[in-house]
Every structure is written in structure tokens, then in C-alpha cells.
Amino acid sequence: MKKPERSAAAYAAAAQRLKPLAHPARLRIMDRLSESECCVALATASLGLSQPNASQHLKALRDAGLVVGKRQGTRICYRIADKRVAAILPILLKGYK
């Protein structure tokens, strides 16, 4: 089967989508969110990140459209917004412990 032809713009868009994942903490956050949605406090506790650091990384992921947040009282709970990225996480992390 022949692969579809893609434009340079398609490759640029895909590269732009992946850039925010090029940080270990962001990959850890996305891996955690692939299990279930969570609030910043839960992410900091389970990942060993400080609250400001986790918030900074979540903002980068949110700005890139990879996660979305939903306010619940004083908290914001996050989930993965782009299911394509969720699908490639296991592939990216396969073989690493």
C-alpha cells in the first residue's frame, strides 16, 4: 500500500505538536494523565515535582493544545486533549523503565 503524500506544512505541524513533549517532566505528566485526569496537587505528589514547576509544565502543554483543564472549585484538573499524542506515548516510552 502506498503511503499518502504529505506536505511540508504537515511535517511542520506535526513537529510543532511534538515539541512540548521534548522535556522529561512533560513526558512524565502526559504519562500520568494517560492513566486518568488529575489536578496539579495530585500530579506534584505522584511525580515529585514542585507545584510551581508542575504548573509551568502544564501551562506549556495546555498552550500547545495537548492538555485541557477544567476548574473544580479552587483546583484545575487536567486531561489529555489530543488522543493522537496519548496513542504515541506508549510507543515513545517502550523499553524504558
PDB file of N, CA and C in Angstrom:
ATOM      1  N   MET A   1       0.844  -1.178   0.000  1.00  0.00           N
ATOM      2  CA  MET A   1       0.000   0.000   0.000  1.00  0.00           C
ATOM      3  C   MET A   1       0.886   1.237   0.000  1.00  0.00           C
ATOM      4  N   LYS A   2       0.566   2.172  -0.840  1.00  0.00           N
ATOM      5  CA  LYS A   2       1.353   3.389  -0.975  1.00  0.00           C
ATOM      6  C   LYS A   2       1.026   4.359   0.161  1.00  0.00           C
ATOM      7  N   LYS A   3       2.091   4.942   0.728  1.00  0.00           N
ATOM      8  CA  LYS A   3       1.897   5.944   1.772  1.00  0.00           C
ATOM      9  C   LYS A   3       1.361   7.222   1.153  1.00  0.00           C
ATOM     10  N   PRO A   4       0.462   7.896   1.879  1.00  0.00           N
ATOM     11  CA  PRO A   4      -0.047   9.163   1.322  1.00  0.00           C
ATOM     12  C   PRO A   4       1.055  10.214   1.305  1.00  0.00           C
ATOM     13  N   GLU A   5       1.010  11.069   0.298  1.00  0.00           N
ATOM     14  CA  GLU A   5       1.971  12.164   0.224  1.00  0.00           C
ATOM     15  C   GLU A   5       1.570  13.233   1.228  1.00  0.00           C
ATOM     16  N   ARG A   6       2.565  13.769   1.913  1.00  0.00           N
ATOM     17  CA  ARG A   6       2.312  14.818   2.894  1.00  0.00           C
ATOM     18  C   ARG A   6       3.082  16.068   2.504  1.00  0.00           C
ATOM     19  N   SER A   7       2.513  17.181   2.834  1.00  0.00           N
ATOM     20  CA  SER A   7       3.155  18.456   2.513  1.00  0.00           C
ATOM     21  C   SER A   7       4.181  18.821   3.574  1.00  0.00           C
ATOM     22  N   ALA A   8       5.024  19.763   3.226  1.00  0.00           N
ATOM     23  CA  ALA A   8       5.995  20.278   4.199  1.00  0.00           C
ATOM     24  C   ALA A   8       5.266  20.886   5.385  1.00  0.00           C
ATOM     25  N   ALA A   9       4.115  21.492   5.145  1.00  0.00           N
ATOM     26  CA  ALA A   9       3.324  22.085   6.227  1.00  0.00           C
ATOM     27  C   ALA A   9       2.826  21.015   7.197  1.00  0.00           C
ATOM     28  N   ALA A  10       2.492  19.845   6.676  1.00  0.00           N
ATOM     29  CA  ALA A  10       2.041  18.756   7.547  1.00  0.00           C
ATOM     30  C   ALA A  10       3.168  18.306   8.475  1.00  0.00           C
ATOM     31  N   TYR A  11       4.366  18.185   7.939  1.00  0.00           N
ATOM     32  CA  TYR A  11       5.508  17.801   8.767  1.00  0.00           C
ATOM     33  C   TYR A  11       5.830  18.888   9.792  1.00  0.00           C
ATOM     34  N   ALA A  12       5.735  20.136   9.383  1.00  0.00           N
ATOM     35  CA  ALA A  12       5.997  21.243  10.306  1.00  0.00           C
ATOM     36  C   ALA A  12       4.966  21.261  11.429  1.00  0.00           C
ATOM     37  N   ALA A  13       3.701  21.013  11.096  1.00  0.00           N
ATOM     38  CA  ALA A  13       2.650  20.993  12.113  1.00  0.00           C
ATOM     39  C   ALA A  13       2.860  19.843  13.097  1.00  0.00           C
ATOM     40  N   ALA A  14       3.239  18.685  12.594  1.00  0.00           N
ATOM     41  CA  ALA A  14       3.486  17.535  13.460  1.00  0.00           C
ATOM     42  C   ALA A  14       4.683  17.788  14.379  1.00  0.00           C
ATOM     43  N   ALA A  15       5.736  18.380  13.831  1.00  0.00           N
ATOM     44  CA  ALA A  15       6.917  18.697  14.642  1.00  0.00           C
ATOM     45  C   ALA A  15       6.563  19.706  15.723  1.00  0.00           C
ATOM     46  N   GLN A  16       5.756  20.699  15.379  1.00  0.00           N
ATOM     47  CA  GLN A  16       5.331  21.706  16.345  1.00  0.00           C
ATOM     48  C   GLN A  16       4.512  21.064  17.465  1.00  0.00           C
ATOM     49  N   ARG A  17       3.695  20.081  17.124  1.00  0.00           N
ATOM     50  CA  ARG A  17       2.853  19.390  18.094  1.00  0.00           C
ATOM     51  C   ARG A  17       3.703  18.581  19.068  1.00  0.00           C
ATOM     52  N   LEU A  18       4.822  18.045  18.581  1.00  0.00           N
ATOM     53  CA  LEU A  18       5.668  17.199  19.427  1.00  0.00           C
ATOM     54  C   LEU A  18       6.663  17.984  20.277  1.00  0.00           C
ATOM     55  N   LYS A  19       6.981  19.215  19.904  1.00  0.00           N
ATOM     56  CA  LYS A  19       7.987  19.994  20.634  1.00  0.00           C
ATOM     57  C   LYS A  19       7.757  20.059  22.138  1.00  0.00           C
ATOM     58  N   PRO A  20       6.540  20.304  22.597  1.00  0.00           N
ATOM     59  CA  PRO A  20       6.335  20.396  24.047  1.00  0.00           C
ATOM     60  C   PRO A  20       6.624  19.089  24.794  1.00  0.00           C
ATOM     61  N   LEU A  21       6.650  17.990  24.082  1.00  0.00           N
ATOM     62  CA  LEU A  21       6.935  16.703  24.724  1.00  0.00           C
ATOM     63  C   LEU A  21       8.427  16.458  24.892  1.00  0.00           C
ATOM     64  N   ALA A  22       9.251  17.347  24.383  1.00  0.00           N
ATOM     65  CA  ALA A  22      10.703  17.167  24.413  1.00  0.00           C
ATOM     66  C   ALA A  22      11.289  17.617  25.749  1.00  0.00           C
ATOM     67  N   HIS A  23      10.619  17.268  26.825  1.00  0.00           N
ATOM     68  CA  HIS A  23      11.109  17.555  28.169  1.00  0.00           C
ATOM     69  C   HIS A  23      10.684  16.393  29.058  1.00  0.00           C
ATOM     70  N   PRO A  24      11.605  15.838  29.841  1.00  0.00           N
ATOM     71  CA  PRO A  24      11.267  14.664  30.655  1.00  0.00           C
ATOM     72  C   PRO A  24      10.081  14.881  31.595  1.00  0.00           C
ATOM     73  N   ALA A  25       9.993  16.042  32.215  1.00  0.00           N
ATOM     74  CA  ALA A  25       8.886  16.289  33.145  1.00  0.00           C
ATOM     75  C   ALA A  25       7.547  16.312  32.413  1.00  0.00           C
ATOM     76  N   ARG A  26       7.530  16.862  31.213  1.00  0.00           N
ATOM     77  CA  ARG A  26       6.280  16.908  30.452  1.00  0.00           C
ATOM     78  C   ARG A  26       5.869  15.522  29.985  1.00  0.00           C
ATOM     79  N   LEU A  27       6.847  14.717  29.615  1.00  0.00           N
ATOM     80  CA  LEU A  27       6.525  13.327  29.270  1.00  0.00           C
ATOM     81  C   LEU A  27       5.964  12.587  30.484  1.00  0.00           C
ATOM     82  N   ARG A  28       6.547  12.834  31.646  1.00  0.00           N
ATOM     83  CA  ARG A  28       6.044  12.198  32.873  1.00  0.00           C
ATOM     84  C   ARG A  28       4.616  12.633  33.166  1.00  0.00           C
ATOM     85  N   ILE A  29       4.352  13.919  33.005  1.00  0.00           N
ATOM     86  CA  ILE A  29       2.994  14.428  33.232  1.00  0.00           C
ATOM     87  C   ILE A  29       2.016  13.787  32.250  1.00  0.00           C
ATOM     88  N   MET A  30       2.384  13.743  30.987  1.00  0.00           N
ATOM     89  CA  MET A  30       1.500  13.144  29.983  1.00  0.00           C
ATOM     90  C   MET A  30       1.283  11.657  30.255  1.00  0.00           C
ATOM     91  N   ASP A  31       2.334  10.972  30.683  1.00  0.00           N
ATOM     92  CA  ASP A  31       2.204   9.558  31.015  1.00  0.00           C
ATOM     93  C   ASP A  31       1.242   9.388  32.183  1.00  0.00           C
ATOM     94  N   ARG A  32       1.353  10.259  33.179  1.00  0.00           N
ATOM     95  CA  ARG A  32       0.434  10.205  34.332  1.00  0.00           C
ATOM     96  C   ARG A  32      -0.991  10.500  33.886  1.00  0.00           C
ATOM     97  N   LEU A  33      -1.172  11.503  33.033  1.00  0.00           N
ATOM     98  CA  LEU A  33      -2.509  11.849  32.556  1.00  0.00           C
ATOM     99  C   LEU A  33      -3.104  10.781  31.644  1.00  0.00           C
ATOM    100  N   SER A  34      -2.261   9.950  31.053  1.00  0.00           N
ATOM    101  CA  SER A  34      -2.787   8.877  30.208  1.00  0.00           C
ATOM    102  C   SER A  34      -3.522   7.833  31.044  1.00  0.00           C
ATOM    103  N   GLU A  35      -3.236   7.791  32.354  1.00  0.00           N
ATOM    104  CA  GLU A  35      -3.931   6.865  33.247  1.00  0.00           C
ATOM    105  C   GLU A  35      -5.298   7.416  33.635  1.00  0.00           C
ATOM    106  N   SER A  36      -5.349   8.693  33.980  1.00  0.00           N
ATOM    107  CA  SER A  36      -6.602   9.358  34.344  1.00  0.00           C
ATOM    108  C   SER A  36      -6.335  10.844  34.502  1.00  0.00           C
ATOM    109  N   GLU A  37      -7.410  11.622  34.469  1.00  0.00           N
ATOM    110  CA  GLU A  37      -7.237  13.057  34.679  1.00  0.00           C
ATOM    111  C   GLU A  37      -6.811  13.296  36.124  1.00  0.00           C
ATOM    112  N   CYS A  38      -6.092  14.378  36.355  1.00  0.00           N
ATOM    113  CA  CYS A  38      -5.676  14.695  37.719  1.00  0.00           C
ATOM    114  C   CYS A  38      -5.460  16.191  37.884  1.00  0.00           C
ATOM    115  N   CYS A  39      -5.481  16.611  39.121  1.00  0.00           N
ATOM    116  CA  CYS A  39      -5.259  18.005  39.470  1.00  0.00           C
ATOM    117  C   CYS A  39      -3.771  18.225  39.728  1.00  0.00           C
ATOM    118  N   VAL A  40      -3.360  19.477  39.756  1.00  0.00           N
ATOM    119  CA  VAL A  40      -1.949  19.812  39.937  1.00  0.00           C
ATOM    120  C   VAL A  40      -1.415  19.196  41.223  1.00  0.00           C
ATOM    121  N   ALA A  41      -2.183  19.262  42.304  1.00  0.00           N
ATOM    122  CA  ALA A  41      -1.717  18.715  43.587  1.00  0.00           C
ATOM    123  C   ALA A  41      -1.415  17.223  43.480  1.00  0.00           C
ATOM    124  N   LEU A  42      -2.268  16.481  42.797  1.00  0.00           N
ATOM    125  CA  LEU A  42      -2.030  15.047  42.610  1.00  0.00           C
ATOM    126  C   LEU A  42      -0.816  14.806  41.736  1.00  0.00           C
ATOM    127  N   ALA A  43      -0.670  15.612  40.688  1.00  0.00           N
ATOM    128  CA  ALA A  43       0.480  15.465  39.792  1.00  0.00           C
ATOM    129  C   ALA A  43       1.773  15.730  40.534  1.00  0.00           C
ATOM    130  N   THR A  44       1.787  16.755  41.381  1.00  0.00           N
ATOM    131  CA  THR A  44       3.017  17.077  42.101  1.00  0.00           C
ATOM    132  C   THR A  44       3.374  15.955  43.069  1.00  0.00           C
ATOM    133  N   ALA A  45       2.368  15.418  43.747  1.00  0.00           N
ATOM    134  CA  ALA A  45       2.627  14.351  44.717  1.00  0.00           C
ATOM    135  C   ALA A  45       3.103  13.068  44.034  1.00  0.00           C
ATOM    136  N   SER A  46       2.451  12.690  42.945  1.00  0.00           N
ATOM    137  CA  SER A  46       2.796  11.418  42.307  1.00  0.00           C
ATOM    138  C   SER A  46       4.063  11.500  41.466  1.00  0.00           C
ATOM    139  N   LEU A  47       4.442  12.694  41.020  1.00  0.00           N
ATOM    140  CA  LEU A  47       5.605  12.825  40.151  1.00  0.00           C
ATOM    141  C   LEU A  47       6.820  13.432  40.840  1.00  0.00           C
ATOM    142  N   GLY A  48       6.647  13.912  42.053  1.00  0.00           N
ATOM    143  CA  GLY A  48       7.774  14.502  42.768  1.00  0.00           C
ATOM    144  C   GLY A  48       8.188  15.853  42.215  1.00  0.00           C
ATOM    145  N   LEU A  49       7.252  16.594  41.628  1.00  0.00           N
ATOM    146  CA  LEU A  49       7.537  17.925  41.120  1.00  0.00           C
ATOM    147  C   LEU A  49       6.999  18.962  42.104  1.00  0.00           C
ATOM    148  N   SER A  50       7.629  20.117  42.140  1.00  0.00           N
ATOM    149  CA  SER A  50       7.082  21.191  42.960  1.00  0.00           C
ATOM    150  C   SER A  50       5.830  21.731  42.265  1.00  0.00           C
ATOM    151  N   GLN A  51       4.958  22.367  43.031  1.00  0.00           N
ATOM    152  CA  GLN A  51       3.725  22.898  42.458  1.00  0.00           C
ATOM    153  C   GLN A  51       4.005  23.939  41.371  1.00  0.00           C
ATOM    154  N   PRO A  52       4.920  24.892  41.609  1.00  0.00           N
ATOM    155  CA  PRO A  52       5.194  25.856  40.537  1.00  0.00           C
ATOM    156  C   PRO A  52       5.764  25.198  39.279  1.00  0.00           C
ATOM    157  N   ASN A  53       6.627  24.196  39.461  1.00  0.00           N
ATOM    158  CA  ASN A  53       7.225  23.506  38.316  1.00  0.00           C
ATOM    159  C   ASN A  53       6.169  22.743  37.532  1.00  0.00           C
ATOM    160  N   ALA A  54       5.306  22.016  38.237  1.00  0.00           N
ATOM    161  CA  ALA A  54       4.236  21.267  37.566  1.00  0.00           C
ATOM    162  C   ALA A  54       3.308  22.219  36.829  1.00  0.00           C
ATOM    163  N   SER A  55       2.964  23.337  37.464  1.00  0.00           N
ATOM    164  CA  SER A  55       2.076  24.315  36.830  1.00  0.00           C
ATOM    165  C   SER A  55       2.703  24.892  35.570  1.00  0.00           C
ATOM    166  N   GLN A  56       3.993  25.160  35.619  1.00  0.00           N
ATOM    167  CA  GLN A  56       4.701  25.698  34.457  1.00  0.00           C
ATOM    168  C   GLN A  56       4.658  24.713  33.282  1.00  0.00           C
ATOM    169  N   HIS A  57       4.912  23.444  33.575  1.00  0.00           N
ATOM    170  CA  HIS A  57       4.898  22.437  32.517  1.00  0.00           C
ATOM    171  C   HIS A  57       3.484  22.209  31.994  1.00  0.00           C
ATOM    172  N   LEU A  58       2.501  22.208  32.880  1.00  0.00           N
ATOM    173  CA  LEU A  58       1.117  22.051  32.444  1.00  0.00           C
ATOM    174  C   LEU A  58       0.680  23.224  31.566  1.00  0.00           C
ATOM    175  N   LYS A  59       1.150  24.402  31.875  1.00  0.00           N
ATOM    176  CA  LYS A  59       0.833  25.571  31.047  1.00  0.00           C
ATOM    177  C   LYS A  59       1.395  25.389  29.640  1.00  0.00           C
ATOM    178  N   ALA A  60       2.627  24.917  29.542  1.00  0.00           N
ATOM    179  CA  ALA A  60       3.233  24.681  28.224  1.00  0.00           C
ATOM    180  C   ALA A  60       2.434  23.637  27.442  1.00  0.00           C
ATOM    181  N   LEU A  61       2.007  22.585  28.124  1.00  0.00           N
ATOM    182  CA  LEU A  61       1.218  21.544  27.468  1.00  0.00           C
ATOM    183  C   LEU A  61      -0.164  22.067  27.077  1.00  0.00           C
ATOM    184  N   ARG A  62      -0.736  22.892  27.938  1.00  0.00           N
ATOM    185  CA  ARG A  62      -2.047  23.490  27.654  1.00  0.00           C
ATOM    186  C   ARG A  62      -1.949  24.469  26.474  1.00  0.00           C
ATOM    187  N   ASP A  63      -0.928  25.308  26.483  1.00  0.00           N
ATOM    188  CA  ASP A  63      -0.735  26.273  25.386  1.00  0.00           C
ATOM    189  C   ASP A  63      -0.551  25.568  24.045  1.00  0.00           C
ATOM    190  N   ALA A  64       0.025  24.372  24.072  1.00  0.00           N
ATOM    191  CA  ALA A  64       0.230  23.599  22.848  1.00  0.00           C
ATOM    192  C   ALA A  64      -1.010  22.805  22.440  1.00  0.00           C
ATOM    193  N   GLY A  65      -2.042  22.846  23.278  1.00  0.00           N
ATOM    194  CA  GLY A  65      -3.269  22.120  22.967  1.00  0.00           C
ATOM    195  C   GLY A  65      -3.208  20.640  23.263  1.00  0.00           C
ATOM    196  N   LEU A  66      -2.204  20.221  24.038  1.00  0.00           N
ATOM    197  CA  LEU A  66      -2.061  18.796  24.353  1.00  0.00           C
ATOM    198  C   LEU A  66      -2.891  18.381  25.560  1.00  0.00           C
ATOM    199  N   VAL A  67      -3.147  19.318  26.470  1.00  0.00           N
ATOM    200  CA  VAL A  67      -3.997  19.043  27.632  1.00  0.00           C
ATOM    201  C   VAL A  67      -5.033  20.152  27.762  1.00  0.00           C
ATOM    202  N   VAL A  68      -6.110  19.840  28.428  1.00  0.00           N
ATOM    203  CA  VAL A  68      -7.126  20.833  28.769  1.00  0.00           C
ATOM    204  C   VAL A  68      -7.395  20.737  30.263  1.00  0.00           C
ATOM    205  N   GLY A  69      -7.725  21.881  30.832  1.00  0.00           N
ATOM    206  CA  GLY A  69      -8.025  21.932  32.250  1.00  0.00           C
ATOM    207  C   GLY A  69      -9.472  22.291  32.488  1.00  0.00           C
ATOM    208  N   LYS A  70     -10.010  21.740  33.568  1.00  0.00           N
ATOM    209  CA  LYS A  70     -11.390  22.032  33.958  1.00  0.00           C
ATOM    210  C   LYS A  70     -11.370  22.450  35.419  1.00  0.00           C
ATOM    211  N   ARG A  71     -11.885  23.628  35.700  1.00  0.00           N
ATOM    212  CA  ARG A  71     -11.889  24.138  37.069  1.00  0.00           C
ATOM    213  C   ARG A  71     -12.915  23.373  37.894  1.00  0.00           C
ATOM    214  N   GLN A  72     -12.456  22.928  39.076  1.00  0.00           N
ATOM    215  CA  GLN A  72     -13.328  22.259  40.048  1.00  0.00           C
ATOM    216  C   GLN A  72     -13.093  22.938  41.388  1.00  0.00           C
ATOM    217  N   GLY A  73     -13.896  23.955  41.670  1.00  0.00           N
ATOM    218  CA  GLY A  73     -13.686  24.753  42.871  1.00  0.00           C
ATOM    219  C   GLY A  73     -12.423  25.578  42.720  1.00  0.00           C
ATOM    220  N   THR A  74     -11.470  25.368  43.631  1.00  0.00           N
ATOM    221  CA  THR A  74     -10.208  26.108  43.560  1.00  0.00           C
ATOM    222  C   THR A  74      -9.145  25.370  42.767  1.00  0.00           C
ATOM    223  N   ARG A  75      -9.453  24.173  42.315  1.00  0.00           N
ATOM    224  CA  ARG A  75      -8.483  23.353  41.581  1.00  0.00           C
ATOM    225  C   ARG A  75      -8.779  23.342  40.094  1.00  0.00           C
ATOM    226  N   ILE A  76      -7.739  23.038  39.346  1.00  0.00           N
ATOM    227  CA  ILE A  76      -7.909  22.783  37.913  1.00  0.00           C
ATOM    228  C   ILE A  76      -7.443  21.358  37.668  1.00  0.00           C
ATOM    229  N   CYS A  77      -8.334  20.544  37.135  1.00  0.00           N
ATOM    230  CA  CYS A  77      -7.987  19.165  36.815  1.00  0.00           C
ATOM    231  C   CYS A  77      -7.729  19.068  35.316  1.00  0.00           C
ATOM    232  N   TYR A  78      -6.682  18.347  34.963  1.00  0.00           N
ATOM    233  CA  TYR A  78      -6.221  18.258  33.580  1.00  0.00           C
ATOM    234  C   TYR A  78      -6.456  16.875  33.008  1.00  0.00           C
ATOM    235  N   ARG A  79      -6.641  16.858  31.687  1.00  0.00           N
ATOM    236  CA  ARG A  79      -6.733  15.600  30.945  1.00  0.00           C
ATOM    237  C   ARG A  79      -6.074  15.820  29.586  1.00  0.00           C
ATOM    238  N   ILE A  80      -5.706  14.732  28.943  1.00  0.00           N
ATOM    239  CA  ILE A  80      -5.093  14.816  27.621  1.00  0.00           C
ATOM    240  C   ILE A  80      -6.157  15.217  26.608  1.00  0.00           C
ATOM    241  N   ALA A  81      -5.856  16.225  25.813  1.00  0.00           N
ATOM    242  CA  ALA A  81      -6.805  16.736  24.823  1.00  0.00           C
ATOM    243  C   ALA A  81      -6.603  16.106  23.454  1.00  0.00           C
ATOM    244  N   ASP A  82      -5.382  15.750  23.138  1.00  0.00           N
ATOM    245  CA  ASP A  82      -5.065  15.227  21.813  1.00  0.00           C
ATOM    246  C   ASP A  82      -4.823  13.724  21.915  1.00  0.00           C
ATOM    247  N   LYS A  83      -5.797  12.949  21.515  1.00  0.00           N
ATOM    248  CA  LYS A  83      -5.727  11.488  21.644  1.00  0.00           C
ATOM    249  C   LYS A  83      -4.620  10.881  20.779  1.00  0.00           C
ATOM    250  N   ARG A  84      -4.207  11.598  19.726  1.00  0.00           N
ATOM    251  CA  ARG A  84      -3.095  11.093  18.918  1.00  0.00           C
ATOM    252  C   ARG A  84      -1.817  11.054  19.744  1.00  0.00           C
ATOM    253  N   VAL A  85      -1.617  12.077  20.550  1.00  0.00           N
ATOM    254  CA  VAL A  85      -0.426  12.121  21.406  1.00  0.00           C
ATOM    255  C   VAL A  85      -0.510  11.029  22.470  1.00  0.00           C
ATOM    256  N   ALA A  86      -1.698  10.825  23.019  1.00  0.00           N
ATOM    257  CA  ALA A  86      -1.881   9.755  24.008  1.00  0.00           C
ATOM    258  C   ALA A  86      -1.538   8.399  23.395  1.00  0.00           C
ATOM    259  N   ALA A  87      -1.852   8.238  22.124  1.00  0.00           N
ATOM    260  CA  ALA A  87      -1.595   6.965  21.442  1.00  0.00           C
ATOM    261  C   ALA A  87      -0.108   6.719  21.208  1.00  0.00           C
ATOM    262  N   ILE A  88       0.685   7.783  21.024  1.00  0.00           N
ATOM    263  CA  ILE A  88       2.103   7.566  20.750  1.00  0.00           C
ATOM    264  C   ILE A  88       2.945   7.476  22.022  1.00  0.00           C
ATOM    265  N   LEU A  89       2.392   7.881  23.163  1.00  0.00           N
ATOM    266  CA  LEU A  89       3.175   7.808  24.406  1.00  0.00           C
ATOM    267  C   LEU A  89       3.716   6.412  24.688  1.00  0.00           C
ATOM    268  N   PRO A  90       2.891   5.372  24.633  1.00  0.00           N
ATOM    269  CA  PRO A  90       3.434   4.032  24.894  1.00  0.00           C
ATOM    270  C   PRO A  90       4.539   3.638  23.922  1.00  0.00           C
ATOM    271  N   ILE A  91       4.437   4.092  22.691  1.00  0.00           N
ATOM    272  CA  ILE A  91       5.454   3.785  21.696  1.00  0.00           C
ATOM    273  C   ILE A  91       6.754   4.501  22.035  1.00  0.00           C
ATOM    274  N   LEU A  92       6.647   5.784  22.413  1.00  0.00           N
ATOM    275  CA  LEU A  92       7.824   6.568  22.774  1.00  0.00           C
ATOM    276  C   LEU A  92       8.543   5.994  24.003  1.00  0.00           C
ATOM    277  N   LEU A  93       7.765   5.507  24.947  1.00  0.00           N
ATOM    278  CA  LEU A  93       8.326   5.081  26.220  1.00  0.00           C
ATOM    279  C   LEU A  93       8.639   3.575  26.280  1.00  0.00           C
ATOM    280  N   LYS A  94       8.281   2.840  25.245  1.00  0.00           N
ATOM    281  CA  LYS A  94       8.504   1.398  25.233  1.00  0.00           C
ATOM    282  C   LYS A  94       9.983   1.064  25.431  1.00  0.00           C
ATOM    283  N   GLY A  95      10.242   0.163  26.336  1.00  0.00           N
ATOM    284  CA  GLY A  95      11.598  -0.285  26.589  1.00  0.00           C
ATOM    285  C   GLY A  95      12.332   0.527  27.639  1.00  0.00           C
ATOM    286  N   TYR A  96      11.737   1.617  28.107  1.00  0.00           N
ATOM    287  CA  TYR A  96      12.366   2.435  29.160  1.00  0.00           C
ATOM    288  C   TYR A  96      11.670   2.160  30.479  1.00  0.00           C
ATOM    289  N   LYS A  97      12.467   2.047  31.525  1.00  0.00           N
ATOM    290  CA  LYS A  97      11.888   1.829  32.862  1.00  0.00           C
ATOM    291  C   LYS A  97      12.189   2.993  33.743  1.00  0.00           C
TER     292      LYS A  97
END
